[in-house]
Every structure is written in C-alpha cells, then in structure tokens.
Amino acid sequence: MVSSSHEALHRIFQKDPALLTRTLQRVLHIPFPEPRDIAILNADLTEIEPVERRVDTLLRVETDVGTYLLVVEAQGKVDEGKRGSWAYYLSYLYAKYRCEPILIVLTQTSATARWAARPIRFGLPVWNSLTLRPLVLGPDNVPLITDEREAAQDVPLAAFSAMTHGRGPQSAAILESLAAALRTIDPDTAAVLAQFTESCLVDPQAQQIWRDLMTAINYFFRHEVAEKVREEGREEGREEGRIEDRAEMTLNILQWRGIEVPDSVRVRVRTCTDLDELELWAQRAVHATEAAQLFTES
C-alpha cells in the first residue's frame, strides 16, 4: 500500500504512463512525439560497486521519431545533492540504453519547483561541458481541475491535480470534482487513484474532506480508508482477508501493466494461502515482463 506522497506522486505515472506525455504537452507545451508504446523499466541504477543509485520511476517511450527515457523524480524539498545525482542518472541511462533521457521533476511546492527548474551547468562559466534542464510539474503549472466534467475527461490527470494542489485553498473543490470523476471509471482503478491521492494530502482538513468523500461513495477496496475501517471491525477472518487482498493486488498489478495472465497463474495466485509468498509475488509483479516470472527468481 502506498503510504507517502513521495511514492504516490510518481507512481501515478506507472499506473497510467501516457498521462506523463499528455501532461507535458498540456502543461509545459512540450511538443512530445505521440507514443507508440510505453514500457516501465527497472528503476534501479545501482552499479557493481556497493553504491546504490535509484530513480523514482523510469519509462521507455517508443515514438515514430525515436525512443526516449523519461526519468521521473518526486521531489519534496530543495536538495542540492541532486545536482550531481540527476546528472549521473541521465549520463548513466544514456550510456546503458543509448536512448535520449529526459528528466521530469514532480513537486507539491512552488519553492521546490523554482529550484528544480534552474539549469544545472557543469564546466567553465563561459563554456558549459554539460547542461541539464529538468522539466518540472508542480502547483504553478499543473492545472487546477475543479469541474466535474473536466475531471471525468481525464481522471488520472484530475488525480494528479489533486495530489499536486491538495494543500491549497481550492483543495475542497478539487477533491469533490475528483471524487465525482472516480465514479465514472472501473472500481479497481478508482481505488488505486483514491489511495494515491490520500497519500499526498498533508493538510488535515483536506485529509478529512477526502475521507468523508470516499466514505460517501463507498470506495472500500484496497484503499487505506478501507483498511482503517476493517481494523475496527471483526477480528476473525483478518488473515484470510489479507491473503485474498494480496492475491488480487498481485493479479491487478500484472493487469495494470498490460501483462497477460494465464488461467494457470491466476488459479495458483488465488489458491495460495502463504501471505509471505504472496508478498514476494506482488513485489515481482512490479518488474515482471510475463506472468510466469512471479514464481521464479530474476
């Protein structure tokens, strides 16, 4: 379960990768080529040496004019250490994949957005050996979606709007329009977007508004509100419920990532009663390229 704004802020683009290119076009007016295919790649950039380097989300986008790597970083505050890290990420990824890397920074604060948007230059003042210019999505350019009809036209974008602007004065209107839009899509996707949204809400009043809205429309799937309500309910059957939820989450991760799930895999996952094994399979589902990889070490 996603429990932090850092995770939710970038993982929404794993749920709907095309949302990122749509947002770049709409918000930053970047003429990004129309994607033919988008794949979620392993975000681990660790080298052989014991130095771990990991981006938040890494997407490969195939277009008619070339292949691009979208390097997505959720940034909660100013961190001058990123000056070197981001440059390393892009250089390493280009060397590894021979594709053009594009750094996209996501933030919920204007101050962090202004800092992140500054070009990072290496070399002499009169001659830059390397210049890095992040694309930034934050409260100053992500649209405020407060209209239910507009929210329903692109529900993931409406969720990203709520996640970005959730601490602002119009949070109630944004959350209400999103809650209405969630009714128009399939319940599983709605539950995931609802969870991402709640993870990003730091203002207590906005948190309470969202919980009330979710209770009113009964989104009690794998949402955190559901877990809190169930914790107050019957003690009996808890373990069975966790096992069932973990099995369904594993299958849903594969489905959301566009991976075909044979009946044999579906039956094996749903009949498993070992919660630890299901946890392992759920972790493997995030990076698997085919369903059978759930049961084998990579």
Protein backbone atom coordinates (compact mmCIF):
# COMPACT_ATOMS: atom_id res chain seq x y z
CA MET A 1 0.00 0.00 0.00
CA VAL A 2 1.32 3.44 -0.91
CA SER A 3 1.65 5.49 2.28
CA SER A 4 3.73 8.52 1.29
CA SER A 5 3.31 11.45 -1.07
CA HIS A 6 6.78 10.76 -2.49
CA GLU A 7 5.72 7.33 -3.74
CA ALA A 8 2.25 8.31 -4.91
CA LEU A 9 3.44 11.42 -6.73
CA HIS A 10 5.50 9.45 -9.25
CA ARG A 11 3.76 6.06 -9.17
CA ILE A 12 0.61 7.52 -10.69
CA PHE A 13 2.66 7.64 -13.89
CA GLN A 14 3.36 3.93 -13.57
CA LYS A 15 -0.37 3.37 -13.35
CA ASP A 16 -1.02 5.49 -16.46
CA PRO A 17 2.32 6.14 -18.23
CA ALA A 18 0.66 8.04 -21.08
CA LEU A 19 -0.55 10.60 -18.52
CA LEU A 20 3.02 11.90 -18.33
CA THR A 21 3.34 12.69 -22.03
CA ARG A 22 -0.18 14.17 -22.06
CA THR A 23 0.72 16.39 -19.13
CA LEU A 24 3.98 17.53 -20.73
CA GLN A 25 2.04 18.57 -23.83
CA ARG A 26 -0.77 20.25 -21.92
CA VAL A 27 1.11 21.87 -19.05
CA LEU A 28 4.58 22.62 -20.38
CA HIS A 29 3.59 22.80 -24.07
CA ILE A 30 6.45 20.44 -24.93
CA PRO A 31 5.79 19.01 -28.43
CA PHE A 32 6.47 15.46 -27.31
CA PRO A 33 6.00 12.91 -30.13
CA GLU A 34 2.92 10.71 -29.88
CA PRO A 35 3.92 7.50 -28.08
CA ARG A 36 3.50 4.20 -29.88
CA ASP A 37 4.45 2.17 -26.83
CA ILE A 38 5.46 2.90 -23.23
CA ALA A 39 7.26 0.40 -21.01
CA ILE A 40 8.06 0.68 -17.30
CA LEU A 41 11.73 -0.17 -16.78
CA ASN A 42 13.67 -1.26 -13.73
CA ALA A 43 14.37 1.95 -11.82
CA ASP A 44 17.44 0.54 -10.06
CA LEU A 45 20.60 2.30 -11.28
CA THR A 46 22.94 0.56 -8.84
CA GLU A 47 26.44 -0.14 -10.16
CA ILE A 48 28.59 -3.20 -9.43
CA GLU A 49 30.23 -1.22 -6.65
CA PRO A 50 28.23 -1.06 -3.39
CA VAL A 51 26.75 2.36 -4.20
CA GLU A 52 23.00 2.34 -4.69
CA ARG A 53 21.54 4.82 -7.14
CA ARG A 54 17.84 4.61 -7.89
CA VAL A 55 15.43 6.87 -9.76
CA ASP A 56 11.79 7.03 -8.70
CA THR A 57 10.18 5.93 -11.98
CA LEU A 58 11.79 5.12 -15.32
CA LEU A 59 9.75 4.83 -18.53
CA ARG A 60 10.82 3.97 -22.05
CA VAL A 61 8.67 5.68 -24.69
CA GLU A 62 8.71 4.48 -28.30
CA THR A 63 7.72 7.08 -30.92
CA ASP A 64 7.93 7.32 -34.70
CA VAL A 65 10.85 9.74 -34.38
CA GLY A 66 12.82 7.94 -31.72
CA THR A 67 12.95 6.25 -28.33
CA TYR A 68 13.07 8.30 -25.14
CA LEU A 69 13.68 7.52 -21.48
CA LEU A 70 11.50 9.51 -19.07
CA VAL A 71 13.31 9.81 -15.74
CA VAL A 72 10.69 10.79 -13.14
CA GLU A 73 11.74 12.17 -9.75
CA ALA A 74 9.30 13.16 -6.99
CA GLN A 75 10.96 15.96 -5.02
CA GLY A 76 9.63 17.05 -1.64
CA LYS A 77 12.14 19.80 -0.86
CA VAL A 78 15.27 21.58 -2.10
CA ASP A 79 18.22 19.17 -2.12
CA GLU A 80 21.48 20.43 -3.59
CA GLY A 81 22.79 16.87 -3.61
CA LYS A 82 20.52 16.23 -6.59
CA ARG A 83 22.78 18.47 -8.70
CA GLY A 84 25.21 15.59 -9.08
CA SER A 85 22.71 12.73 -8.80
CA TRP A 86 20.47 13.88 -11.65
CA ALA A 87 23.39 14.45 -13.99
CA TYR A 88 24.67 10.98 -13.14
CA TYR A 89 21.27 9.38 -13.75
CA LEU A 90 20.93 10.83 -17.23
CA SER A 91 24.51 10.09 -18.24
CA TYR A 92 24.32 6.54 -16.95
CA LEU A 93 20.99 5.85 -18.62
CA TYR A 94 22.17 7.17 -21.96
CA ALA A 95 25.29 5.01 -21.74
CA LYS A 96 23.21 1.94 -20.83
CA TYR A 97 20.25 2.28 -23.19
CA ARG A 98 21.56 4.63 -25.93
CA CYS A 99 18.25 6.49 -25.77
CA GLU A 100 17.69 10.19 -25.09
CA PRO A 101 16.92 10.63 -21.35
CA ILE A 102 14.53 13.36 -20.18
CA LEU A 103 14.42 14.39 -16.51
CA ILE A 104 10.97 15.27 -15.15
CA VAL A 105 10.67 16.56 -11.57
CA LEU A 106 7.34 16.40 -9.71
CA THR A 107 6.74 18.55 -6.65
CA GLN A 108 3.94 19.89 -4.47
CA THR A 109 5.57 23.21 -3.55
CA SER A 110 6.32 26.30 -5.62
CA ALA A 111 9.67 26.92 -3.92
CA THR A 112 10.90 23.44 -4.77
CA ALA A 113 9.58 23.81 -8.32
CA ARG A 114 11.53 27.05 -8.84
CA TRP A 115 14.69 25.46 -7.50
CA ALA A 116 14.30 22.30 -9.58
CA ALA A 117 13.68 24.27 -12.79
CA ARG A 118 17.06 26.03 -12.63
CA PRO A 119 19.50 24.68 -15.23
CA ILE A 120 22.35 22.63 -13.80
CA ARG A 121 25.59 23.52 -15.56
CA PHE A 122 28.98 21.84 -15.36
CA GLY A 123 32.23 23.30 -16.69
CA LEU A 124 33.61 26.80 -17.09
CA PRO A 125 31.31 29.82 -16.76
CA VAL A 126 32.00 30.72 -20.40
CA TRP A 127 31.72 27.16 -21.67
CA ASN A 128 29.44 24.51 -20.21
CA SER A 129 30.62 20.96 -20.71
CA LEU A 130 27.22 19.69 -19.62
CA THR A 131 23.90 21.47 -19.10
CA LEU A 132 20.93 19.72 -17.52
CA ARG A 133 17.49 21.34 -17.76
CA PRO A 134 14.80 19.47 -15.81
CA LEU A 135 11.16 19.69 -16.81
CA VAL A 136 9.14 20.50 -13.70
CA LEU A 137 5.50 19.77 -12.90
CA GLY A 138 4.20 21.49 -9.77
CA PRO A 139 1.50 23.73 -8.33
CA ASP A 140 2.41 26.66 -10.61
CA ASN A 141 1.71 24.83 -13.88
CA VAL A 142 -0.36 21.70 -13.18
CA PRO A 143 -3.99 22.68 -13.89
CA LEU A 144 -6.45 23.18 -11.05
CA ILE A 145 -9.28 20.85 -12.04
CA THR A 146 -12.37 21.83 -10.07
CA ASP A 147 -15.02 20.99 -12.67
CA GLU A 148 -16.56 17.51 -12.57
CA ARG A 149 -16.92 17.27 -16.35
CA GLU A 150 -13.30 18.25 -16.93
CA ALA A 151 -12.16 15.79 -14.29
CA ALA A 152 -14.13 12.98 -15.92
CA GLN A 153 -12.42 13.62 -19.27
CA ASP A 154 -9.04 12.60 -17.83
CA VAL A 155 -9.42 11.07 -14.38
CA PRO A 156 -5.71 10.29 -13.81
CA LEU A 157 -4.85 13.92 -14.62
CA ALA A 158 -7.57 15.04 -12.19
CA ALA A 159 -5.99 12.81 -9.54
CA PHE A 160 -2.55 14.27 -10.25
CA SER A 161 -4.07 17.75 -9.95
CA ALA A 162 -5.47 16.86 -6.53
CA MET A 163 -2.15 15.33 -5.46
CA THR A 164 -0.29 18.47 -6.52
CA HIS A 165 -2.72 21.10 -5.20
CA GLY A 166 -4.08 19.19 -2.18
CA ARG A 167 -2.64 21.67 0.32
CA GLY A 168 -4.03 24.77 -1.41
CA PRO A 169 -7.16 26.85 -0.76
CA GLN A 170 -9.15 25.16 -3.54
CA SER A 171 -8.46 21.65 -2.27
CA ALA A 172 -12.12 21.01 -1.40
CA ALA A 173 -13.34 21.83 -4.91
CA ILE A 174 -10.56 19.76 -6.49
CA LEU A 175 -11.26 16.76 -4.28
CA GLU A 176 -15.01 16.94 -4.84
CA SER A 177 -14.59 17.01 -8.64
CA LEU A 178 -12.16 14.08 -8.47
CA ALA A 179 -14.48 12.06 -6.24
CA ALA A 180 -17.28 12.54 -8.76
CA ALA A 181 -14.98 11.57 -11.65
CA LEU A 182 -13.90 8.36 -9.90
CA ARG A 183 -17.48 7.13 -10.21
CA THR A 184 -17.08 7.09 -14.00
CA ILE A 185 -14.19 4.58 -14.18
CA ASP A 186 -13.70 0.97 -13.13
CA PRO A 187 -13.65 0.46 -9.34
CA ASP A 188 -10.16 -1.07 -9.13
CA THR A 189 -8.52 1.84 -10.92
CA ALA A 190 -10.62 4.28 -8.88
CA ALA A 191 -9.40 2.65 -5.67
CA VAL A 192 -5.76 2.99 -6.70
CA LEU A 193 -6.13 6.64 -7.68
CA ALA A 194 -8.01 7.33 -4.45
CA GLN A 195 -5.15 5.82 -2.46
CA PHE A 196 -2.52 7.82 -4.35
CA THR A 197 -4.49 10.99 -3.68
CA GLU A 198 -4.85 10.37 0.06
CA SER A 199 -1.11 9.65 0.34
CA CYS A 200 -0.33 13.14 -0.98
CA LEU A 201 -2.71 15.08 1.26
CA VAL A 202 -0.78 16.70 4.12
CA ASP A 203 -3.37 19.26 5.22
CA PRO A 204 -5.58 17.75 7.98
CA GLN A 205 -8.71 19.47 6.67
CA ALA A 206 -8.11 18.15 3.15
CA GLN A 207 -7.47 14.68 4.56
CA GLN A 208 -10.79 14.73 6.39
CA ILE A 209 -12.65 16.02 3.32
CA TRP A 210 -11.21 13.18 1.25
CA ARG A 211 -12.06 10.53 3.83
CA ASP A 212 -15.62 11.81 4.01
CA LEU A 213 -15.92 11.79 0.22
CA MET A 214 -14.53 8.26 -0.02
CA THR A 215 -16.87 7.05 2.69
CA ALA A 216 -19.82 8.65 0.94
CA ILE A 217 -19.14 6.89 -2.37
CA ASN A 218 -18.09 3.63 -0.65
CA TYR A 219 -14.67 3.10 -2.21
CA PHE A 220 -13.75 0.34 0.24
CA PHE A 221 -11.49 -1.77 -1.96
CA ARG A 222 -7.76 -1.79 -1.14
CA HIS A 223 -7.93 1.85 -0.13
CA GLU A 224 -6.30 2.91 3.14
CA VAL A 225 -9.65 4.12 4.47
CA ALA A 226 -10.95 0.58 4.00
CA GLU A 227 -8.06 -0.84 5.99
CA LYS A 228 -8.79 1.55 8.88
CA VAL A 229 -12.45 0.63 8.89
CA ARG A 230 -11.70 -3.09 8.74
CA GLU A 231 -9.26 -2.71 11.65
CA GLU A 232 -12.17 -1.56 13.78
CA GLY A 233 -14.34 -4.47 12.63
CA ARG A 234 -14.29 -8.22 13.16
CA GLU A 235 -11.05 -9.80 14.38
CA GLU A 236 -11.98 -13.15 12.89
CA GLY A 237 -11.07 -13.59 9.25
CA ARG A 238 -8.36 -10.90 9.21
CA GLU A 239 -5.60 -13.17 7.96
CA GLU A 240 -7.85 -14.63 5.26
CA GLY A 241 -8.78 -11.15 4.14
CA ARG A 242 -5.13 -10.09 3.90
CA ILE A 243 -4.30 -13.15 1.82
CA GLU A 244 -7.21 -12.52 -0.54
CA ASP A 245 -6.33 -8.82 -0.89
CA ARG A 246 -2.65 -9.58 -1.58
CA ALA A 247 -3.55 -12.18 -4.21
CA GLU A 248 -5.90 -9.80 -6.01
CA MET A 249 -3.37 -6.96 -5.79
CA THR A 250 -0.71 -9.18 -7.41
CA LEU A 251 -3.01 -10.04 -10.30
CA ASN A 252 -4.12 -6.42 -10.65
CA ILE A 253 -0.52 -5.18 -10.87
CA LEU A 254 0.05 -7.51 -13.83
CA GLN A 255 -3.21 -6.40 -15.41
CA TRP A 256 -2.47 -2.68 -14.94
CA ARG A 257 0.94 -3.22 -16.57
CA GLY A 258 -0.67 -4.86 -19.59
CA ILE A 259 0.75 -8.34 -18.90
CA GLU A 260 -1.42 -11.28 -19.96
CA VAL A 261 -2.32 -13.56 -17.03
CA PRO A 262 -2.96 -17.22 -17.96
CA ASP A 263 -5.62 -19.11 -16.04
CA SER A 264 -2.97 -21.37 -14.51
CA VAL A 265 -1.20 -18.35 -12.98
CA ARG A 266 -4.46 -16.81 -11.82
CA VAL A 267 -5.51 -20.06 -10.09
CA ARG A 268 -2.10 -20.54 -8.42
CA VAL A 269 -2.10 -16.99 -7.03
CA ARG A 270 -5.70 -17.13 -5.78
CA THR A 271 -5.28 -20.53 -4.11
CA CYS A 272 -2.05 -19.63 -2.32
CA THR A 273 -2.50 -19.32 1.45
CA ASP A 274 1.06 -18.22 2.31
CA LEU A 275 1.00 -14.46 2.91
CA ASP A 276 4.80 -14.14 2.76
CA GLU A 277 4.90 -15.88 -0.60
CA LEU A 278 2.14 -13.64 -1.92
CA GLU A 279 4.10 -10.59 -0.74
CA LEU A 280 7.10 -11.84 -2.76
CA TRP A 281 4.95 -12.42 -5.83
CA ALA A 282 3.48 -8.92 -5.54
CA GLN A 283 6.98 -7.43 -5.47
CA ARG A 284 7.99 -9.46 -8.52
CA ALA A 285 4.85 -8.38 -10.37
CA VAL A 286 6.10 -4.77 -10.39
CA HIS A 287 9.10 -5.68 -12.60
CA ALA A 288 7.96 -8.88 -14.36
CA THR A 289 7.66 -8.95 -18.14
CA GLU A 290 5.49 -12.07 -18.16
CA ALA A 291 3.19 -13.62 -15.57
CA ALA A 292 5.26 -16.78 -15.06
CA GLN A 293 8.10 -14.69 -13.63
CA LEU A 294 6.10 -14.35 -10.41
CA PHE A 295 7.26 -17.82 -9.43
CA THR A 296 10.94 -17.63 -10.44
CA GLU A 297 13.83 -15.56 -9.16
CA SER A 298 15.05 -12.93 -11.63
